[in-house]
Each structure stands twice: as C-alpha cells, then as structure tokens.
Protein backbone atom coordinates (compact mmCIF):
# COMPACT_ATOMS: atom_id res chain seq x y z
CA MET A 1 0.00 0.00 0.00
CA ASN A 2 1.26 3.49 -0.86
CA MET A 3 0.98 6.01 1.98
CA LEU A 4 2.71 8.77 3.89
CA VAL A 5 4.81 7.81 6.90
CA ASP A 6 5.94 10.75 9.04
CA GLY A 7 5.40 12.99 6.04
CA GLU A 8 7.45 10.85 3.67
CA TRP A 9 5.94 8.92 0.75
CA ARG A 10 6.28 5.14 1.01
CA THR A 11 5.24 2.43 -1.45
CA ASP A 12 5.88 -0.52 0.87
CA ALA A 13 4.23 0.58 4.10
CA ARG A 14 1.64 -2.18 4.60
CA GLU A 15 -0.76 -4.54 2.83
CA TYR A 16 -4.45 -4.11 2.04
CA THR A 17 -5.39 -7.27 3.94
CA ASP A 18 -5.01 -8.54 7.50
CA ALA A 19 -3.61 -11.91 8.57
CA SER A 20 -6.84 -13.71 7.66
CA GLY A 21 -6.93 -12.25 4.14
CA GLU A 22 -9.74 -9.78 4.88
CA PHE A 23 -9.59 -6.26 3.45
CA ASP A 24 -8.50 -3.81 6.14
CA ARG A 25 -9.63 -0.21 5.50
CA GLN A 26 -7.83 2.46 7.51
CA GLU A 27 -9.85 5.14 9.25
CA SER A 28 -9.69 8.71 8.02
CA ARG A 29 -7.39 10.93 10.07
CA PHE A 30 -8.64 14.52 9.63
CA ARG A 31 -11.92 14.79 11.52
CA ASP A 32 -12.57 18.48 12.26
CA TRP A 33 -15.98 20.06 11.67
CA LEU A 34 -17.44 23.15 10.14
CA ASP A 35 -19.13 25.28 12.79
CA GLY A 36 -22.86 24.57 12.66
CA GLY A 37 -22.48 21.25 10.86
CA VAL A 38 -24.32 18.32 12.43
CA ALA A 39 -22.16 15.26 13.08
CA ALA A 40 -24.91 12.74 13.77
CA ALA A 41 -28.43 12.66 15.12
CA GLY A 42 -28.48 14.35 18.50
CA GLU A 43 -24.72 14.86 18.55
CA PRO A 44 -23.83 18.33 17.25
CA PRO A 45 -20.08 18.93 17.51
CA GLU A 46 -18.69 21.69 19.67
CA SER A 47 -18.12 25.10 18.13
CA SER A 48 -15.07 25.01 15.88
CA GLU A 49 -12.63 27.41 14.25
CA PHE A 50 -14.01 26.55 10.80
CA ALA A 51 -16.86 28.93 10.03
CA PRO A 52 -19.07 28.05 7.02
CA GLU A 53 -18.08 31.04 4.90
CA SER A 54 -18.73 31.27 1.18
CA GLY A 55 -15.56 30.88 -0.90
CA ARG A 56 -13.42 29.72 2.02
CA TYR A 57 -13.43 25.98 1.35
CA HIS A 58 -12.24 23.77 -1.50
CA LEU A 59 -13.18 20.17 -2.21
CA TYR A 60 -10.59 17.86 -3.76
CA ILE A 61 -12.23 14.83 -5.36
CA CYS A 62 -11.82 12.14 -7.98
CA ARG A 63 -14.83 11.42 -10.18
CA ALA A 64 -13.95 7.72 -10.04
CA CYS A 65 -14.02 7.38 -6.26
CA PRO A 66 -17.39 6.50 -4.65
CA TRP A 67 -16.45 8.19 -1.36
CA ALA A 68 -15.57 11.45 -3.13
CA HIS A 69 -18.69 11.07 -5.28
CA ARG A 70 -20.82 11.28 -2.13
CA ALA A 71 -19.45 14.72 -1.33
CA ALA A 72 -19.78 15.91 -4.94
CA MET A 73 -23.43 14.87 -5.05
CA VAL A 74 -24.31 16.65 -1.82
CA ARG A 75 -22.53 19.81 -2.99
CA ARG A 76 -24.55 19.74 -6.21
CA LEU A 77 -27.92 18.80 -4.71
CA ARG A 78 -27.55 21.49 -2.05
CA GLY A 79 -26.67 24.15 -4.62
CA LEU A 80 -23.26 24.91 -3.11
CA GLN A 81 -21.36 25.35 -6.37
CA ASP A 82 -20.70 29.03 -5.65
CA GLU A 83 -20.02 28.40 -1.95
CA ILE A 84 -17.42 25.63 -2.24
CA SER A 85 -14.96 25.28 -5.12
CA ILE A 86 -14.02 21.86 -6.44
CA SER A 87 -11.20 20.27 -8.41
CA LEU A 88 -10.23 16.81 -9.63
CA VAL A 89 -7.28 14.50 -9.54
CA GLN A 90 -6.49 12.08 -12.34
CA PRO A 91 -8.66 8.95 -12.29
CA GLU A 92 -5.72 6.54 -12.49
CA ARG A 93 -3.77 6.07 -9.27
CA TYR A 94 -0.31 4.55 -9.51
CA ASP A 95 2.70 4.28 -7.18
CA GLN A 96 2.78 8.01 -6.50
CA GLY A 97 -0.84 8.14 -5.36
CA TRP A 98 -3.48 10.58 -6.56
CA GLU A 99 -1.95 12.91 -9.16
CA PHE A 100 -2.79 16.28 -10.64
CA SER A 101 -2.19 16.80 -14.35
CA ASP A 102 -2.54 19.27 -17.19
CA ASP A 103 -6.12 18.06 -17.59
CA HIS A 104 -6.79 18.23 -13.85
CA PRO A 105 -4.38 20.73 -12.25
CA ASP A 106 -4.26 21.75 -8.62
CA PRO A 107 -5.90 25.21 -8.72
CA LEU A 108 -4.65 26.32 -5.31
CA TYR A 109 -0.93 25.54 -5.17
CA GLY A 110 0.01 23.95 -8.49
CA TYR A 111 1.07 20.74 -6.79
CA ASP A 112 1.81 17.52 -8.70
CA TYR A 113 0.37 15.14 -6.11
CA LEU A 114 -2.45 15.24 -3.60
CA ARG A 115 -0.06 14.00 -0.91
CA GLU A 116 1.56 17.45 -0.97
CA VAL A 117 -1.75 18.90 0.26
CA TYR A 118 -1.72 16.41 3.14
CA VAL A 119 1.84 17.31 4.09
CA ASP A 120 0.94 21.00 4.05
CA ALA A 121 -1.78 20.24 6.59
CA ASP A 122 0.49 18.01 8.72
CA PRO A 123 4.21 17.74 7.90
CA GLU A 124 4.42 14.59 10.08
CA TYR A 125 1.28 12.95 8.68
CA THR A 126 1.14 9.15 8.67
CA GLY A 127 -1.68 7.48 6.76
CA ARG A 128 -3.31 7.01 3.40
CA VAL A 129 -3.85 9.90 1.01
CA THR A 130 -7.53 9.73 0.11
CA VAL A 131 -10.34 11.72 -1.46
CA PRO A 132 -12.53 13.60 -0.71
CA VAL A 133 -10.57 16.32 1.05
CA LEU A 134 -12.30 19.40 2.45
CA TRP A 135 -9.61 22.11 2.49
CA ASP A 136 -9.76 25.45 4.30
CA GLU A 137 -8.11 28.08 2.09
CA GLN A 138 -8.00 30.61 4.94
CA GLU A 139 -6.21 28.42 7.48
CA GLU A 140 -4.47 26.39 4.76
CA THR A 141 -5.25 23.03 6.28
CA ILE A 142 -7.48 20.00 5.84
CA VAL A 143 -10.73 20.20 7.75
CA ASN A 144 -11.89 16.66 7.09
CA ASN A 145 -11.23 13.70 4.80
CA GLU A 146 -14.04 11.38 5.95
CA SER A 147 -16.78 11.25 3.32
CA SER A 148 -19.69 10.43 5.64
CA GLU A 149 -18.85 13.45 7.80
CA ILE A 150 -18.29 15.78 4.85
CA MET A 151 -21.73 14.79 3.52
CA ARG A 152 -23.40 15.78 6.79
CA MET A 153 -21.45 19.04 7.05
CA LEU A 154 -22.25 20.16 3.53
CA ASP A 155 -25.92 19.55 4.15
CA THR A 156 -26.21 21.22 7.55
CA ALA A 157 -23.54 23.93 7.83
CA PHE A 158 -24.52 25.94 4.73
CA ASP A 159 -27.84 27.51 3.75
CA GLY A 160 -27.63 26.34 0.16
CA ASN A 161 -30.83 26.12 -1.84
CA GLY A 162 -33.28 24.90 0.78
CA VAL A 163 -33.00 21.23 -0.16
CA SER A 164 -32.46 19.12 2.97
CA LEU A 165 -30.81 15.72 2.64
CA TYR A 166 -30.37 15.25 6.39
CA PRO A 167 -33.64 16.52 7.90
CA GLU A 168 -33.67 16.62 11.67
CA ALA A 169 -36.70 14.32 12.05
CA LEU A 170 -35.01 11.56 10.05
CA ARG A 171 -31.39 11.88 11.20
CA GLY A 172 -31.46 8.86 13.49
CA GLU A 173 -32.90 6.63 10.78
CA ILE A 174 -30.59 8.03 8.10
CA ASP A 175 -27.58 7.33 10.31
CA GLU A 176 -28.78 3.76 10.88
CA ILE A 177 -29.22 3.15 7.16
CA VAL A 178 -25.85 4.68 6.24
CA ASP A 179 -24.23 2.44 8.86
CA ALA A 180 -26.24 -0.60 7.74
CA ILE A 181 -25.19 -0.36 4.08
CA TYR A 182 -21.57 0.62 4.73
CA GLU A 183 -19.98 -2.68 5.71
CA PRO A 184 -21.84 -5.16 3.46
CA ILE A 185 -22.35 -2.92 0.40
CA ASN A 186 -20.20 0.26 0.23
CA ASN A 187 -17.17 -1.46 1.75
CA GLY A 188 -18.36 -4.95 0.88
CA VAL A 189 -17.40 -4.63 -2.78
CA TYR A 190 -13.87 -3.73 -1.66
CA ARG A 191 -13.83 -6.59 0.85
CA ALA A 192 -14.56 -8.91 -2.07
CA GLY A 193 -12.23 -7.26 -4.57
CA PHE A 194 -9.20 -7.03 -2.30
CA ALA A 195 -9.73 -10.28 -0.39
CA GLY A 196 -6.54 -12.27 0.06
CA THR A 197 -8.15 -15.67 0.58
CA GLN A 198 -11.07 -17.60 -0.91
CA ALA A 199 -12.81 -17.69 2.46
CA ALA A 200 -12.57 -13.93 2.94
CA TYR A 201 -13.83 -13.34 -0.59
CA GLU A 202 -16.81 -15.67 -0.25
CA ALA A 203 -17.77 -14.18 3.13
CA ALA A 204 -17.73 -10.69 1.63
CA VAL A 205 -19.80 -11.75 -1.38
CA ASP A 206 -22.35 -13.49 0.85
CA ASP A 207 -22.70 -10.36 3.00
CA LEU A 208 -22.96 -8.15 -0.08
CA PHE A 209 -25.73 -10.04 -1.83
CA ASP A 210 -27.65 -10.71 1.37
CA ALA A 211 -27.73 -6.94 1.86
CA LEU A 212 -28.66 -6.22 -1.77
CA ASP A 213 -31.48 -8.77 -1.53
CA HIS A 214 -32.74 -7.04 1.62
CA TRP A 215 -32.82 -3.56 0.07
CA GLU A 216 -34.38 -4.96 -3.10
CA GLY A 217 -37.30 -5.95 -0.91
CA VAL A 218 -37.43 -2.59 0.88
CA LEU A 219 -37.50 -0.69 -2.42
CA ALA A 220 -40.43 -2.72 -3.72
CA ASP A 221 -42.82 -0.47 -1.80
CA GLN A 222 -40.98 2.84 -1.39
CA ARG A 223 -39.12 5.19 -3.68
CA TYR A 224 -36.25 6.10 -1.33
CA LEU A 225 -34.59 4.45 1.66
CA ALA A 226 -35.44 6.53 4.74
CA GLY A 227 -38.69 7.49 6.47
CA ASP A 228 -41.73 6.63 4.41
CA GLY A 229 -39.52 6.52 1.35
CA ASP A 230 -40.94 9.77 -0.02
CA ARG A 231 -37.81 11.92 0.01
CA LEU A 232 -34.20 11.57 -1.08
CA THR A 233 -31.68 11.73 1.78
CA LEU A 234 -28.00 11.15 2.52
CA ALA A 235 -28.82 7.44 2.81
CA ASP A 236 -29.69 7.37 -0.90
CA VAL A 237 -26.56 9.33 -1.78
CA ALA A 238 -24.45 6.73 0.05
CA MET A 239 -26.21 3.82 -1.65
CA PHE A 240 -26.17 5.32 -5.15
CA ALA A 241 -22.39 5.86 -5.17
CA THR A 242 -21.93 2.08 -5.02
CA LEU A 243 -24.86 1.00 -7.18
CA VAL A 244 -23.99 3.24 -10.13
CA ARG A 245 -20.49 1.67 -10.28
CA PHE A 246 -21.57 -1.88 -9.65
CA ASP A 247 -22.25 -3.35 -13.08
CA HIS A 248 -19.33 -1.58 -14.78
CA VAL A 249 -16.57 -2.35 -12.28
CA TYR A 250 -17.55 -4.23 -9.12
CA HIS A 251 -19.37 -7.05 -10.93
CA THR A 252 -16.32 -7.98 -13.04
CA HIS A 253 -13.23 -6.32 -11.62
CA PHE A 254 -14.06 -7.11 -7.98
CA LYS A 255 -15.70 -10.48 -8.82
CA CYS A 256 -19.07 -9.46 -7.33
CA ASN A 257 -20.75 -11.44 -10.10
CA ARG A 258 -23.50 -13.41 -8.42
CA ARG A 259 -25.92 -10.92 -9.98
CA ALA A 260 -25.73 -7.52 -11.65
CA ILE A 261 -27.72 -4.55 -10.38
CA HIS A 262 -29.65 -4.39 -13.65
CA GLU A 263 -30.94 -7.88 -12.82
CA TYR A 264 -32.67 -6.54 -9.68
CA PRO A 265 -35.95 -4.89 -10.75
CA ASN A 266 -36.25 -2.53 -7.78
CA LEU A 267 -32.57 -1.71 -7.24
CA TRP A 268 -32.11 -1.08 -10.96
CA GLY A 269 -35.16 1.16 -11.19
CA TYR A 270 -33.98 2.98 -8.05
CA THR A 271 -30.49 3.50 -9.52
CA LYS A 272 -31.93 4.96 -12.72
CA ASP A 273 -34.34 7.14 -10.72
CA LEU A 274 -31.48 8.65 -8.73
CA TYR A 275 -29.28 9.05 -11.81
CA GLN A 276 -32.10 11.02 -13.46
CA THR A 277 -32.57 13.26 -10.42
CA PRO A 278 -31.58 16.81 -11.49
CA GLY A 279 -27.92 17.42 -10.72
CA ILE A 280 -26.86 13.80 -10.21
CA ALA A 281 -25.95 12.68 -13.73
CA GLU A 282 -23.40 15.48 -14.10
CA THR A 283 -21.48 14.08 -11.10
CA VAL A 284 -21.13 10.64 -12.76
CA ASN A 285 -18.23 10.02 -15.14
CA MET A 286 -18.23 6.36 -16.16
CA ASP A 287 -15.13 6.76 -18.31
CA GLN A 288 -13.10 7.92 -15.32
CA ILE A 289 -14.69 5.25 -13.12
CA THR A 290 -13.69 2.40 -15.40
CA ARG A 291 -10.24 3.86 -16.09
CA HIS A 292 -9.57 4.12 -12.39
CA TYR A 293 -10.57 0.64 -11.31
CA TYR A 294 -9.18 -1.35 -14.23
CA GLY A 295 -6.11 0.84 -14.57
CA SER A 296 -5.10 1.41 -10.96
CA HIS A 297 -5.18 -2.06 -9.39
CA ALA A 298 -2.29 -3.90 -10.99
CA ASP A 299 -2.48 -6.63 -8.36
CA ILE A 300 -6.00 -7.48 -9.60
CA ASN A 301 -5.64 -6.53 -13.28
CA PRO A 302 -1.90 -6.70 -14.14
CA LYS A 303 -2.28 -5.75 -17.82
CA ARG A 304 -4.58 -2.82 -16.94
CA ILE A 305 -7.00 -3.69 -19.75
CA VAL A 306 -10.21 -1.68 -19.33
CA ALA A 307 -13.45 -3.62 -19.87
CA VAL A 308 -15.70 -2.21 -22.61
CA GLY A 309 -19.10 -3.16 -21.15
CA PRO A 310 -21.74 -3.60 -20.08
CA GLU A 311 -24.07 -1.69 -22.39
CA ILE A 312 -26.71 -0.40 -19.99
CA ASP A 313 -28.66 2.84 -20.09
CA PHE A 314 -29.17 4.87 -16.91
CA THR A 315 -31.50 7.21 -18.77
CA GLU A 316 -34.16 4.69 -19.78
CA PRO A 317 -37.52 4.87 -17.93
CA HIS A 318 -37.22 3.82 -14.30
CA GLY A 319 -40.85 3.12 -13.48
CA ARG A 320 -40.63 4.55 -9.97
CA ASP A 321 -42.99 7.47 -10.52
CA GLU A 322 -45.98 5.66 -9.10
CA LEU A 323 -44.32 5.46 -5.69
CA ALA A 324 -44.77 8.33 -3.26
CA GLY A 325 -42.11 11.02 -3.37
CA GLU A 326 -40.62 13.67 -5.60
CA PRO A 327 -36.90 14.18 -6.34
CA PRO A 328 -35.39 17.44 -5.09
CA LEU A 329 -34.86 20.19 -7.64
CA PRO A 330 -31.49 21.82 -6.93
CA GLN A 331 -30.82 25.26 -8.35
C-alpha cells in the first residue's frame, strides 16, 4: 500500500489485507468540523474554528471514487457550487498516489500530487492519502477527509438552496441506514475485490448479496430508503455511489458477479431514478470510473485492460414514478 509515513511517501508501508486475508480499510485521520455542521443525530459537535463562509473551502475529489462522489453529489444537490470550489485529480492512481495533471491541475498551489496537500496540513502525517478532502483556504489546512462526515457538514452547515438531505426528524434513521449499508455494500465490494483468501472473498460476497437482496425488498414499496420513502436523503446518496459503479466495475473487476444490479428490478429502477434526479448525472463520469478501477489495481488486473461493457442505459424509464415522493430540484 502506498501512503505517507511521518510525512514521507512510502510504497511498501503495509498490505491491504489482514492476517486472515480480509480487506483492512484504515480510518480517516482529519476529523474536524465546520461550525454549525451536524455530526450525527443528537450529537452536534462543539463550536469550531471553521466557520461556514462562502468561498473559504475547497473540495478535492476524484470522479472515479465513490467516497468522493458522495461529497460531490451533496454539494450539487444542495446548490453549493458558488459556496465551495471543487477540483479533480487524475482517475488513475499509480505508485505516486493521486496525481494532478494538465487536464486536472491543482488550482490552489500547483502541486503535482495530492499528498503534498496532506503534508501541508500536517508535515508529520502518517496514513493514506484519500479523497474527498475538504480544504480550508484561509487556514491552509485539511478540515476533514471522511466522506460520511463531509456529507453531513455540507448539508447542515450551509444555507444552500433549501434542499435538505439530512432533515432533523429523520437523522437517526438516516444514520442507521448509512451504517447498515456501509460494511456489506459500500465497503463490501472492496472486501470482495481485495480479499486475500477464498474464504474472505466468499464471506464478503455473501454479505454483499444478502444486503442487496434485503434492500431490493425494501425498495419494492418505497421510492427512497429513509422514512416513508418519499424523500431523497443522505442514505440514498451513500447507496447510489456504489450502485452506479456496480455493473461496470464491481461485478467484473471485484468479482461481485453473483448478480448484476440491472438484474434486480427494484434496485435497478432505483439506480436509474437517482441518476435522473436533477444534478446527479453530471457528477457521474463512467469513463473515469472504469479507467480508475481497471487501470489502478495492478495486483487485480496486471495488464490494466479496461473492460468495454456492459451496455446499460441509466436514462431509460425507471418506473418509480408511481411510488410516493418527488426528487429534489437543486438550483
């Protein structure tokens, strides 16, 4: 695994898997909060030095990464394009980690690598260099690099356009759903793809498809995941980031091939419904998604050949209109 150790870049620091062959995801290290942002239901963080000021913050993302995609979707759905600037790294990630390029330059400092941003924030930083990164241009430091927390902050710390993805009455349930889908689905595809043993792989696949089968049943009678299913929330954002990538990369590249999402009537209709929600499609770049996964994981795909399929259409009718609920209309 490539990571920073005491501020120095290392390509031999540790493996992806633990002793039993199970994928071992490191926790994010920068966990500060924007003042006024809600951390979780009933647990507002203490007042912080990071005031939610327009133009003060920058979001570093990769279009390929599902965790960064969460933050990009919330920024767009909440109408924060003029409040928070955004920039991309290259979709492929090699030995030097996330890179900037002529196509995707660093607009703040002209750096070559995202790791330089991390070292600016903490010259002795030890850990992975990940996206998304919420950067404070005033203090010149990283506020947070944990996607689930950035989602909540972007929804609750800024006024935005009036759309609420984390309404107070549903926060407890949204948190429960986000937690419930994280390990078997959001992280489950990685547990399968990076498994080091057959047993670890099969356990991850079993967990993944048990969870997908469960939510297929839930979505038979409701349009969205939380409450009465009549409004889109952060729970749907978290689920969509995995589902939209599933058939193109997780099914084949990560061997999650028991079924494809387009073979689930309700999950497939739900995925298309969310994709067609105003503002969402523009945050999806399937070219960068496939280039990243097939091109970045040489241990899984040594020749880095990018799969050409499947041929599926996210814009075809989704058939979810008869269920209660209307998609938000971001400005």
